Amino acid sequence: MSLGHGDNKDMEKRIRMHANFAEYVPIAILLIFLSEMGNMSAMLIHAMGGVLILGRTLHALGLYGVLKGNSRPIGMVLTVTVIAVASATSVAAYFLGTQ
């Protein structure tokens, strides 16, 4: 099979795990970087990075079935929360000139 997953459910799941990571993590890291360039608190920057790592780990483990329960949706919520907080702090840093 040179392209796709060939109806292999495990491979399809792995492809989606990789794609989901590639869809969300770059924008989150870019927004965290912009927050840092806006002189946001180092504690906030580190917290956002830690929450992003936790969220992505929970999402991957939940999707692959290692953790049962709500780990996948919790991971999704944590990832989106980091993106929202980093967006808000980047905008605040730009408009308010946070020093």
PDB file of N, CA and C in Angstrom:
ATOM      1  N   MET A   1       0.864  -1.180   0.000  1.00  0.00           N
ATOM      2  CA  MET A   1       0.000   0.000   0.000  1.00  0.00           C
ATOM      3  C   MET A   1       0.902   1.232   0.000  1.00  0.00           C
ATOM      4  N   SER A   2       0.876   1.967  -1.071  1.00  0.00           N
ATOM      5  CA  SER A   2       1.739   3.144  -1.162  1.00  0.00           C
ATOM      6  C   SER A   2       1.067   4.404  -0.624  1.00  0.00           C
ATOM      7  N   LEU A   3      -0.252   4.388  -0.498  1.00  0.00           N
ATOM      8  CA  LEU A   3      -0.965   5.582  -0.042  1.00  0.00           C
ATOM      9  C   LEU A   3      -2.214   5.155   0.723  1.00  0.00           C
ATOM     10  N   GLY A   4      -2.503   5.879   1.795  1.00  0.00           N
ATOM     11  CA  GLY A   4      -3.693   5.565   2.573  1.00  0.00           C
ATOM     12  C   GLY A   4      -3.424   4.515   3.634  1.00  0.00           C
ATOM     13  N   HIS A   5      -4.498   3.898   4.103  1.00  0.00           N
ATOM     14  CA  HIS A   5      -4.373   2.930   5.181  1.00  0.00           C
ATOM     15  C   HIS A   5      -4.861   1.536   4.796  1.00  0.00           C
ATOM     16  N   GLY A   6      -5.397   1.376   3.618  1.00  0.00           N
ATOM     17  CA  GLY A   6      -5.792   0.048   3.155  1.00  0.00           C
ATOM     18  C   GLY A   6      -6.798  -0.652   4.040  1.00  0.00           C
ATOM     19  N   ASP A   7      -7.756   0.079   4.586  1.00  0.00           N
ATOM     20  CA  ASP A   7      -8.780  -0.455   5.498  1.00  0.00           C
ATOM     21  C   ASP A   7      -8.200  -1.057   6.772  1.00  0.00           C
ATOM     22  N   ASN A   8      -6.987  -0.673   7.110  1.00  0.00           N
ATOM     23  CA  ASN A   8      -6.367  -1.100   8.357  1.00  0.00           C
ATOM     24  C   ASN A   8      -6.746  -0.083   9.432  1.00  0.00           C
ATOM     25  N   LYS A   9      -7.625  -0.478  10.346  1.00  0.00           N
ATOM     26  CA  LYS A   9      -8.144   0.451  11.358  1.00  0.00           C
ATOM     27  C   LYS A   9      -7.046   0.991  12.273  1.00  0.00           C
ATOM     28  N   ASP A  10      -6.081   0.156  12.625  1.00  0.00           N
ATOM     29  CA  ASP A  10      -4.986   0.620  13.471  1.00  0.00           C
ATOM     30  C   ASP A  10      -4.160   1.690  12.754  1.00  0.00           C
ATOM     31  N   MET A  11      -3.893   1.473  11.468  1.00  0.00           N
ATOM     32  CA  MET A  11      -3.126   2.462  10.704  1.00  0.00           C
ATOM     33  C   MET A  11      -3.931   3.745  10.533  1.00  0.00           C
ATOM     34  N   GLU A  12      -5.224   3.633  10.313  1.00  0.00           N
ATOM     35  CA  GLU A  12      -6.074   4.809  10.181  1.00  0.00           C
ATOM     36  C   GLU A  12      -6.040   5.638  11.464  1.00  0.00           C
ATOM     37  N   LYS A  13      -6.095   4.966  12.602  1.00  0.00           N
ATOM     38  CA  LYS A  13      -6.049   5.635  13.892  1.00  0.00           C
ATOM     39  C   LYS A  13      -4.708   6.362  14.070  1.00  0.00           C
ATOM     40  N   ARG A  14      -3.632   5.714  13.696  1.00  0.00           N
ATOM     41  CA  ARG A  14      -2.301   6.320  13.813  1.00  0.00           C
ATOM     42  C   ARG A  14      -2.150   7.521  12.876  1.00  0.00           C
ATOM     43  N   ILE A  15      -2.706   7.412  11.682  1.00  0.00           N
ATOM     44  CA  ILE A  15      -2.660   8.533  10.737  1.00  0.00           C
ATOM     45  C   ILE A  15      -3.405   9.729  11.320  1.00  0.00           C
ATOM     46  N   ARG A  16      -4.571   9.483  11.905  1.00  0.00           N
ATOM     47  CA  ARG A  16      -5.364  10.572  12.490  1.00  0.00           C
ATOM     48  C   ARG A  16      -4.673  11.176  13.706  1.00  0.00           C
ATOM     49  N   MET A  17      -3.993  10.346  14.503  1.00  0.00           N
ATOM     50  CA  MET A  17      -3.261  10.873  15.655  1.00  0.00           C
ATOM     51  C   MET A  17      -2.186  11.844  15.186  1.00  0.00           C
ATOM     52  N   HIS A  18      -1.458  11.458  14.168  1.00  0.00           N
ATOM     53  CA  HIS A  18      -0.393  12.301  13.637  1.00  0.00           C
ATOM     54  C   HIS A  18      -0.972  13.572  13.017  1.00  0.00           C
ATOM     55  N   ALA A  19      -2.027  13.428  12.245  1.00  0.00           N
ATOM     56  CA  ALA A  19      -2.636  14.583  11.583  1.00  0.00           C
ATOM     57  C   ALA A  19      -3.211  15.559  12.600  1.00  0.00           C
ATOM     58  N   ASN A  20      -3.865  15.041  13.627  1.00  0.00           N
ATOM     59  CA  ASN A  20      -4.436  15.917  14.641  1.00  0.00           C
ATOM     60  C   ASN A  20      -3.348  16.714  15.345  1.00  0.00           C
ATOM     61  N   PHE A  21      -2.246  16.061  15.655  1.00  0.00           N
ATOM     62  CA  PHE A  21      -1.105  16.746  16.269  1.00  0.00           C
ATOM     63  C   PHE A  21      -0.601  17.843  15.331  1.00  0.00           C
ATOM     64  N   ALA A  22      -0.455  17.517  14.057  1.00  0.00           N
ATOM     65  CA  ALA A  22       0.062  18.475  13.079  1.00  0.00           C
ATOM     66  C   ALA A  22      -0.899  19.639  12.847  1.00  0.00           C
ATOM     67  N   GLU A  23      -2.171  19.436  13.094  1.00  0.00           N
ATOM     68  CA  GLU A  23      -3.166  20.491  12.904  1.00  0.00           C
ATOM     69  C   GLU A  23      -3.192  21.480  14.060  1.00  0.00           C
ATOM     70  N   TYR A  24      -2.979  21.030  15.280  1.00  0.00           N
ATOM     71  CA  TYR A  24      -3.159  21.890  16.439  1.00  0.00           C
ATOM     72  C   TYR A  24      -1.874  22.392  17.090  1.00  0.00           C
ATOM     73  N   VAL A  25      -0.864  21.575  17.170  1.00  0.00           N
ATOM     74  CA  VAL A  25       0.333  21.938  17.932  1.00  0.00           C
ATOM     75  C   VAL A  25       1.104  23.112  17.323  1.00  0.00           C
ATOM     76  N   PRO A  26       1.309  23.182  16.005  1.00  0.00           N
ATOM     77  CA  PRO A  26       2.063  24.324  15.479  1.00  0.00           C
ATOM     78  C   PRO A  26       1.426  25.675  15.810  1.00  0.00           C
ATOM     79  N   ILE A  27       0.103  25.777  15.704  1.00  0.00           N
ATOM     80  CA  ILE A  27      -0.549  27.051  16.013  1.00  0.00           C
ATOM     81  C   ILE A  27      -0.446  27.358  17.498  1.00  0.00           C
ATOM     82  N   ALA A  28      -0.553  26.345  18.340  1.00  0.00           N
ATOM     83  CA  ALA A  28      -0.428  26.562  19.782  1.00  0.00           C
ATOM     84  C   ALA A  28       0.977  27.044  20.136  1.00  0.00           C
ATOM     85  N   ILE A  29       1.991  26.415  19.558  1.00  0.00           N
ATOM     86  CA  ILE A  29       3.364  26.820  19.839  1.00  0.00           C
ATOM     87  C   ILE A  29       3.622  28.231  19.320  1.00  0.00           C
ATOM     88  N   LEU A  30       3.119  28.551  18.141  1.00  0.00           N
ATOM     89  CA  LEU A  30       3.282  29.904  17.601  1.00  0.00           C
ATOM     90  C   LEU A  30       2.621  30.934  18.514  1.00  0.00           C
ATOM     91  N   LEU A  31       1.432  30.647  19.002  1.00  0.00           N
ATOM     92  CA  LEU A  31       0.738  31.587  19.885  1.00  0.00           C
ATOM     93  C   LEU A  31       1.447  31.720  21.232  1.00  0.00           C
ATOM     94  N   ILE A  32       1.991  30.635  21.750  1.00  0.00           N
ATOM     95  CA  ILE A  32       2.770  30.717  22.984  1.00  0.00           C
ATOM     96  C   ILE A  32       4.010  31.574  22.755  1.00  0.00           C
ATOM     97  N   PHE A  33       4.655  31.394  21.608  1.00  0.00           N
ATOM     98  CA  PHE A  33       5.819  32.205  21.253  1.00  0.00           C
ATOM     99  C   PHE A  33       5.452  33.684  21.180  1.00  0.00           C
ATOM    100  N   LEU A  34       4.329  34.010  20.551  1.00  0.00           N
ATOM    101  CA  LEU A  34       3.900  35.406  20.455  1.00  0.00           C
ATOM    102  C   LEU A  34       3.601  35.987  21.835  1.00  0.00           C
ATOM    103  N   SER A  35       3.042  35.176  22.712  1.00  0.00           N
ATOM    104  CA  SER A  35       2.800  35.631  24.083  1.00  0.00           C
ATOM    105  C   SER A  35       4.119  35.927  24.778  1.00  0.00           C
ATOM    106  N   GLU A  36       5.087  35.068  24.555  1.00  0.00           N
ATOM    107  CA  GLU A  36       6.405  35.286  25.162  1.00  0.00           C
ATOM    108  C   GLU A  36       7.056  36.549  24.609  1.00  0.00           C
ATOM    109  N   MET A  37       6.924  36.789  23.318  1.00  0.00           N
ATOM    110  CA  MET A  37       7.487  37.999  22.722  1.00  0.00           C
ATOM    111  C   MET A  37       6.770  39.252  23.221  1.00  0.00           C
ATOM    112  N   GLY A  38       5.551  39.080  23.696  1.00  0.00           N
ATOM    113  CA  GLY A  38       4.795  40.192  24.265  1.00  0.00           C
ATOM    114  C   GLY A  38       5.104  40.412  25.731  1.00  0.00           C
ATOM    115  N   ASN A  39       6.162  39.763  26.231  1.00  0.00           N
ATOM    116  CA  ASN A  39       6.615  39.913  27.619  1.00  0.00           C
ATOM    117  C   ASN A  39       5.586  39.447  28.641  1.00  0.00           C
ATOM    118  N   MET A  40       4.855  38.390  28.299  1.00  0.00           N
ATOM    119  CA  MET A  40       3.952  37.804  29.281  1.00  0.00           C
ATOM    120  C   MET A  40       4.775  37.099  30.356  1.00  0.00           C
ATOM    121  N   SER A  41       4.174  36.861  31.463  1.00  0.00           N
ATOM    122  CA  SER A  41       4.823  36.211  32.596  1.00  0.00           C
ATOM    123  C   SER A  41       5.433  34.868  32.188  1.00  0.00           C
ATOM    124  N   ALA A  42       6.657  34.637  32.639  1.00  0.00           N
ATOM    125  CA  ALA A  42       7.326  33.364  32.347  1.00  0.00           C
ATOM    126  C   ALA A  42       6.531  32.199  32.938  1.00  0.00           C
ATOM    127  N   MET A  43       5.912  32.428  34.086  1.00  0.00           N
ATOM    128  CA  MET A  43       5.104  31.379  34.714  1.00  0.00           C
ATOM    129  C   MET A  43       3.918  31.008  33.818  1.00  0.00           C
ATOM    130  N   LEU A  44       3.272  32.010  33.221  1.00  0.00           N
ATOM    131  CA  LEU A  44       2.149  31.757  32.324  1.00  0.00           C
ATOM    132  C   LEU A  44       2.615  31.010  31.076  1.00  0.00           C
ATOM    133  N   ILE A  45       3.745  31.404  30.518  1.00  0.00           N
ATOM    134  CA  ILE A  45       4.276  30.753  29.321  1.00  0.00           C
ATOM    135  C   ILE A  45       4.562  29.279  29.614  1.00  0.00           C
ATOM    136  N   HIS A  46       5.229  29.014  30.740  1.00  0.00           N
ATOM    137  CA  HIS A  46       5.535  27.634  31.105  1.00  0.00           C
ATOM    138  C   HIS A  46       4.264  26.835  31.396  1.00  0.00           C
ATOM    139  N   ALA A  47       3.297  27.470  32.026  1.00  0.00           N
ATOM    140  CA  ALA A  47       2.033  26.787  32.321  1.00  0.00           C
ATOM    141  C   ALA A  47       1.327  26.393  31.022  1.00  0.00           C
ATOM    142  N   MET A  48       1.300  27.301  30.051  1.00  0.00           N
ATOM    143  CA  MET A  48       0.661  26.983  28.777  1.00  0.00           C
ATOM    144  C   MET A  48       1.386  25.831  28.085  1.00  0.00           C
ATOM    145  N   GLY A  49       2.706  25.833  28.112  1.00  0.00           N
ATOM    146  CA  GLY A  49       3.464  24.738  27.514  1.00  0.00           C
ATOM    147  C   GLY A  49       3.193  23.417  28.205  1.00  0.00           C
ATOM    148  N   GLY A  50       3.146  23.434  29.527  1.00  0.00           N
ATOM    149  CA  GLY A  50       2.869  22.220  30.285  1.00  0.00           C
ATOM    150  C   GLY A  50       1.477  21.682  30.032  1.00  0.00           C
ATOM    151  N   VAL A  51       0.509  22.576  29.982  1.00  0.00           N
ATOM    152  CA  VAL A  51      -0.875  22.156  29.725  1.00  0.00           C
ATOM    153  C   VAL A  51      -0.998  21.606  28.301  1.00  0.00           C
ATOM    154  N   LEU A  52      -0.283  22.214  27.357  1.00  0.00           N
ATOM    155  CA  LEU A  52      -0.309  21.707  25.983  1.00  0.00           C
ATOM    156  C   LEU A  52       0.258  20.286  25.925  1.00  0.00           C
ATOM    157  N   ILE A  53       1.376  20.053  26.577  1.00  0.00           N
ATOM    158  CA  ILE A  53       1.968  18.708  26.595  1.00  0.00           C
ATOM    159  C   ILE A  53       1.014  17.713  27.257  1.00  0.00           C
ATOM    160  N   LEU A  54       0.431  18.093  28.382  1.00  0.00           N
ATOM    161  CA  LEU A  54      -0.523  17.218  29.068  1.00  0.00           C
ATOM    162  C   LEU A  54      -1.731  16.930  28.182  1.00  0.00           C
ATOM    163  N   GLY A  55      -2.268  17.967  27.563  1.00  0.00           N
ATOM    164  CA  GLY A  55      -3.444  17.798  26.706  1.00  0.00           C
ATOM    165  C   GLY A  55      -3.180  16.888  25.524  1.00  0.00           C
ATOM    166  N   ARG A  56      -2.047  17.078  24.863  1.00  0.00           N
ATOM    167  CA  ARG A  56      -1.718  16.243  23.714  1.00  0.00           C
ATOM    168  C   ARG A  56      -1.459  14.796  24.134  1.00  0.00           C
ATOM    169  N   THR A  57      -0.830  14.611  25.292  1.00  0.00           N
ATOM    170  CA  THR A  57      -0.570  13.261  25.784  1.00  0.00           C
ATOM    171  C   THR A  57      -1.882  12.547  26.107  1.00  0.00           C
ATOM    172  N   LEU A  58      -2.774  13.233  26.820  1.00  0.00           N
ATOM    173  CA  LEU A  58      -4.077  12.632  27.144  1.00  0.00           C
ATOM    174  C   LEU A  58      -4.868  12.310  25.885  1.00  0.00           C
ATOM    175  N   HIS A  59      -4.844  13.219  24.914  1.00  0.00           N
ATOM    176  CA  HIS A  59      -5.575  12.998  23.671  1.00  0.00           C
ATOM    177  C   HIS A  59      -5.045  11.761  22.942  1.00  0.00           C
ATOM    178  N   ALA A  60      -3.724  11.659  22.821  1.00  0.00           N
ATOM    179  CA  ALA A  60      -3.130  10.528  22.103  1.00  0.00           C
ATOM    180  C   ALA A  60      -3.394   9.210  22.826  1.00  0.00           C
ATOM    181  N   LEU A  61      -3.216   9.193  24.129  1.00  0.00           N
ATOM    182  CA  LEU A  61      -3.437   7.964  24.883  1.00  0.00           C
ATOM    183  C   LEU A  61      -4.905   7.552  24.868  1.00  0.00           C
ATOM    184  N   GLY A  62      -5.796   8.535  24.900  1.00  0.00           N
ATOM    185  CA  GLY A  62      -7.224   8.231  24.821  1.00  0.00           C
ATOM    186  C   GLY A  62      -7.625   7.737  23.445  1.00  0.00           C
ATOM    187  N   LEU A  63      -7.062   8.329  22.407  1.00  0.00           N
ATOM    188  CA  LEU A  63      -7.392   7.910  21.046  1.00  0.00           C
ATOM    189  C   LEU A  63      -6.870   6.508  20.757  1.00  0.00           C
ATOM    190  N   TYR A  64      -5.694   6.204  21.248  1.00  0.00           N
ATOM    191  CA  TYR A  64      -5.115   4.891  20.998  1.00  0.00           C
ATOM    192  C   TYR A  64      -5.688   3.813  21.919  1.00  0.00           C
ATOM    193  N   GLY A  65      -6.398   4.237  22.964  1.00  0.00           N
ATOM    194  CA  GLY A  65      -7.059   3.277  23.838  1.00  0.00           C
ATOM    195  C   GLY A  65      -6.247   2.849  25.040  1.00  0.00           C
ATOM    196  N   VAL A  66      -5.117   3.507  25.290  1.00  0.00           N
ATOM    197  CA  VAL A  66      -4.305   3.170  26.459  1.00  0.00           C
ATOM    198  C   VAL A  66      -5.021   3.601  27.728  1.00  0.00           C
ATOM    199  N   LEU A  67      -5.594   4.801  27.714  1.00  0.00           N
ATOM    200  CA  LEU A  67      -6.369   5.303  28.854  1.00  0.00           C
ATOM    201  C   LEU A  67      -7.850   5.241  28.502  1.00  0.00           C
ATOM    202  N   LYS A  68      -8.622   4.724  29.388  1.00  0.00           N
ATOM    203  CA  LYS A  68     -10.071   4.646  29.172  1.00  0.00           C
ATOM    204  C   LYS A  68     -10.735   5.876  29.797  1.00  0.00           C
ATOM    205  N   GLY A  69     -11.969   6.096  29.443  1.00  0.00           N
ATOM    206  CA  GLY A  69     -12.716   7.200  30.042  1.00  0.00           C
ATOM    207  C   GLY A  69     -12.670   8.447  29.184  1.00  0.00           C
ATOM    208  N   ASN A  70     -12.530   9.577  29.857  1.00  0.00           N
ATOM    209  CA  ASN A  70     -12.633  10.872  29.195  1.00  0.00           C
ATOM    210  C   ASN A  70     -11.284  11.489  28.843  1.00  0.00           C
ATOM    211  N   SER A  71     -10.235  10.716  28.741  1.00  0.00           N
ATOM    212  CA  SER A  71      -8.920  11.312  28.513  1.00  0.00           C
ATOM    213  C   SER A  71      -8.827  12.012  27.161  1.00  0.00           C
ATOM    214  N   ARG A  72      -9.430  11.464  26.136  1.00  0.00           N
ATOM    215  CA  ARG A  72      -9.366  12.110  24.824  1.00  0.00           C
ATOM    216  C   ARG A  72     -10.086  13.452  24.812  1.00  0.00           C
ATOM    217  N   PRO A  73     -11.350  13.537  25.255  1.00  0.00           N
ATOM    218  CA  PRO A  73     -12.001  14.853  25.258  1.00  0.00           C
ATOM    219  C   PRO A  73     -11.326  15.843  26.204  1.00  0.00           C
ATOM    220  N   ILE A  74     -10.804  15.362  27.327  1.00  0.00           N
ATOM    221  CA  ILE A  74     -10.094  16.267  28.244  1.00  0.00           C
ATOM    222  C   ILE A  74      -8.850  16.808  27.548  1.00  0.00           C
ATOM    223  N   GLY A  75      -8.146  15.953  26.832  1.00  0.00           N
ATOM    224  CA  GLY A  75      -6.981  16.396  26.072  1.00  0.00           C
ATOM    225  C   GLY A  75      -7.342  17.421  25.025  1.00  0.00           C
ATOM    226  N   MET A  76      -8.472  17.216  24.369  1.00  0.00           N
ATOM    227  CA  MET A  76      -8.927  18.178  23.359  1.00  0.00           C
ATOM    228  C   MET A  76      -9.240  19.526  23.997  1.00  0.00           C
ATOM    229  N   VAL A  77      -9.940  19.498  25.120  1.00  0.00           N
ATOM    230  CA  VAL A  77     -10.292  20.740  25.813  1.00  0.00           C
ATOM    231  C   VAL A  77      -9.039  21.473  26.283  1.00  0.00           C
ATOM    232  N   LEU A  78      -8.060  20.745  26.810  1.00  0.00           N
ATOM    233  CA  LEU A  78      -6.824  21.379  27.270  1.00  0.00           C
ATOM    234  C   LEU A  78      -6.076  22.026  26.110  1.00  0.00           C
ATOM    235  N   THR A  79      -6.026  21.354  24.970  1.00  0.00           N
ATOM    236  CA  THR A  79      -5.347  21.909  23.800  1.00  0.00           C
ATOM    237  C   THR A  79      -6.026  23.182  23.328  1.00  0.00           C
ATOM    238  N   VAL A  80      -7.340  23.153  23.214  1.00  0.00           N
ATOM    239  CA  VAL A  80      -8.076  24.336  22.757  1.00  0.00           C
ATOM    240  C   VAL A  80      -7.982  25.460  23.787  1.00  0.00           C
ATOM    241  N   THR A  81      -7.955  25.113  25.061  1.00  0.00           N
ATOM    242  CA  THR A  81      -7.800  26.132  26.105  1.00  0.00           C
ATOM    243  C   THR A  81      -6.461  26.839  25.983  1.00  0.00           C
ATOM    244  N   VAL A  82      -5.396  26.087  25.726  1.00  0.00           N
ATOM    245  CA  VAL A  82      -4.074  26.707  25.535  1.00  0.00           C
ATOM    246  C   VAL A  82      -4.117  27.659  24.342  1.00  0.00           C
ATOM    247  N   ILE A  83      -4.735  27.241  23.257  1.00  0.00           N
ATOM    248  CA  ILE A  83      -4.825  28.098  22.072  1.00  0.00           C
ATOM    249  C   ILE A  83      -5.613  29.369  22.397  1.00  0.00           C
ATOM    250  N   ALA A  84      -6.705  29.240  23.133  1.00  0.00           N
ATOM    251  CA  ALA A  84      -7.514  30.414  23.488  1.00  0.00           C
ATOM    252  C   ALA A  84      -6.767  31.361  24.425  1.00  0.00           C
ATOM    253  N   VAL A  85      -6.128  30.813  25.449  1.00  0.00           N
ATOM    254  CA  VAL A  85      -5.393  31.652  26.404  1.00  0.00           C
ATOM    255  C   VAL A  85      -4.207  32.319  25.723  1.00  0.00           C
ATOM    256  N   ALA A  86      -3.473  31.574  24.909  1.00  0.00           N
ATOM    257  CA  ALA A  86      -2.329  32.150  24.210  1.00  0.00           C
ATOM    258  C   ALA A  86      -2.782  33.228  23.225  1.00  0.00           C
ATOM    259  N   SER A  87      -3.919  33.026  22.581  1.00  0.00           N
ATOM    260  CA  SER A  87      -4.468  34.046  21.681  1.00  0.00           C
ATOM    261  C   SER A  87      -4.815  35.305  22.454  1.00  0.00           C
ATOM    262  N   ALA A  88      -5.505  35.126  23.569  1.00  0.00           N
ATOM    263  CA  ALA A  88      -5.913  36.278  24.383  1.00  0.00           C
ATOM    264  C   ALA A  88      -4.705  37.032  24.930  1.00  0.00           C
ATOM    265  N   THR A  89      -3.697  36.313  25.392  1.00  0.00           N
ATOM    266  CA  THR A  89      -2.525  37.007  25.941  1.00  0.00           C
ATOM    267  C   THR A  89      -1.724  37.692  24.843  1.00  0.00           C
ATOM    268  N   SER A  90      -1.702  37.113  23.652  1.00  0.00           N
ATOM    269  CA  SER A  90      -1.013  37.759  22.530  1.00  0.00           C
ATOM    270  C   SER A  90      -1.713  39.056  22.133  1.00  0.00           C
ATOM    271  N   VAL A  91      -3.032  39.011  22.070  1.00  0.00           N
ATOM    272  CA  VAL A  91      -3.800  40.213  21.737  1.00  0.00           C
ATOM    273  C   VAL A  91      -3.646  41.262  22.836  1.00  0.00           C
ATOM    274  N   ALA A  92      -3.710  40.817  24.087  1.00  0.00           N
ATOM    275  CA  ALA A  92      -3.538  41.752  25.213  1.00  0.00           C
ATOM    276  C   ALA A  92      -2.159  42.381  25.182  1.00  0.00           C
ATOM    277  N   ALA A  93      -1.144  41.589  24.896  1.00  0.00           N
ATOM    278  CA  ALA A  93       0.216  42.126  24.849  1.00  0.00           C
ATOM    279  C   ALA A  93       0.344  43.161  23.739  1.00  0.00           C
ATOM    280  N   TYR A  94      -0.303  42.930  22.625  1.00  0.00           N
ATOM    281  CA  TYR A  94      -0.227  43.871  21.514  1.00  0.00           C
ATOM    282  C   TYR A  94      -0.952  45.170  21.822  1.00  0.00           C
ATOM    283  N   PHE A  95      -2.189  45.074  22.291  1.00  0.00           N
ATOM    284  CA  PHE A  95      -2.991  46.269  22.498  1.00  0.00           C
ATOM    285  C   PHE A  95      -2.696  46.994  23.808  1.00  0.00           C
ATOM    286  N   LEU A  96      -2.322  46.270  24.823  1.00  0.00           N
ATOM    287  CA  LEU A  96      -2.089  46.889  26.105  1.00  0.00           C
ATOM    288  C   LEU A  96      -0.612  47.192  26.362  1.00  0.00           C
ATOM    289  N   GLY A  97       0.237  46.683  25.480  1.00  0.00           N
ATOM    290  CA  GLY A  97       1.672  46.932  25.650  1.00  0.00           C
ATOM    291  C   GLY A  97       2.193  46.397  26.967  1.00  0.00           C
ATOM    292  N   THR A  98       1.821  45.170  27.315  1.00  0.00           N
ATOM    293  CA  THR A  98       2.234  44.559  28.577  1.00  0.00           C
ATOM    294  C   THR A  98       3.757  44.551  28.668  1.00  0.00           C
ATOM    295  N   GLN A  99       4.256  45.054  29.759  1.00  0.00           N
ATOM    296  CA  GLN A  99       5.726  45.120  29.949  1.00  0.00           C
ATOM    297  C   GLN A  99       6.124  44.287  31.118  1.00  0.00           C
TER     298      GLN A  99
END
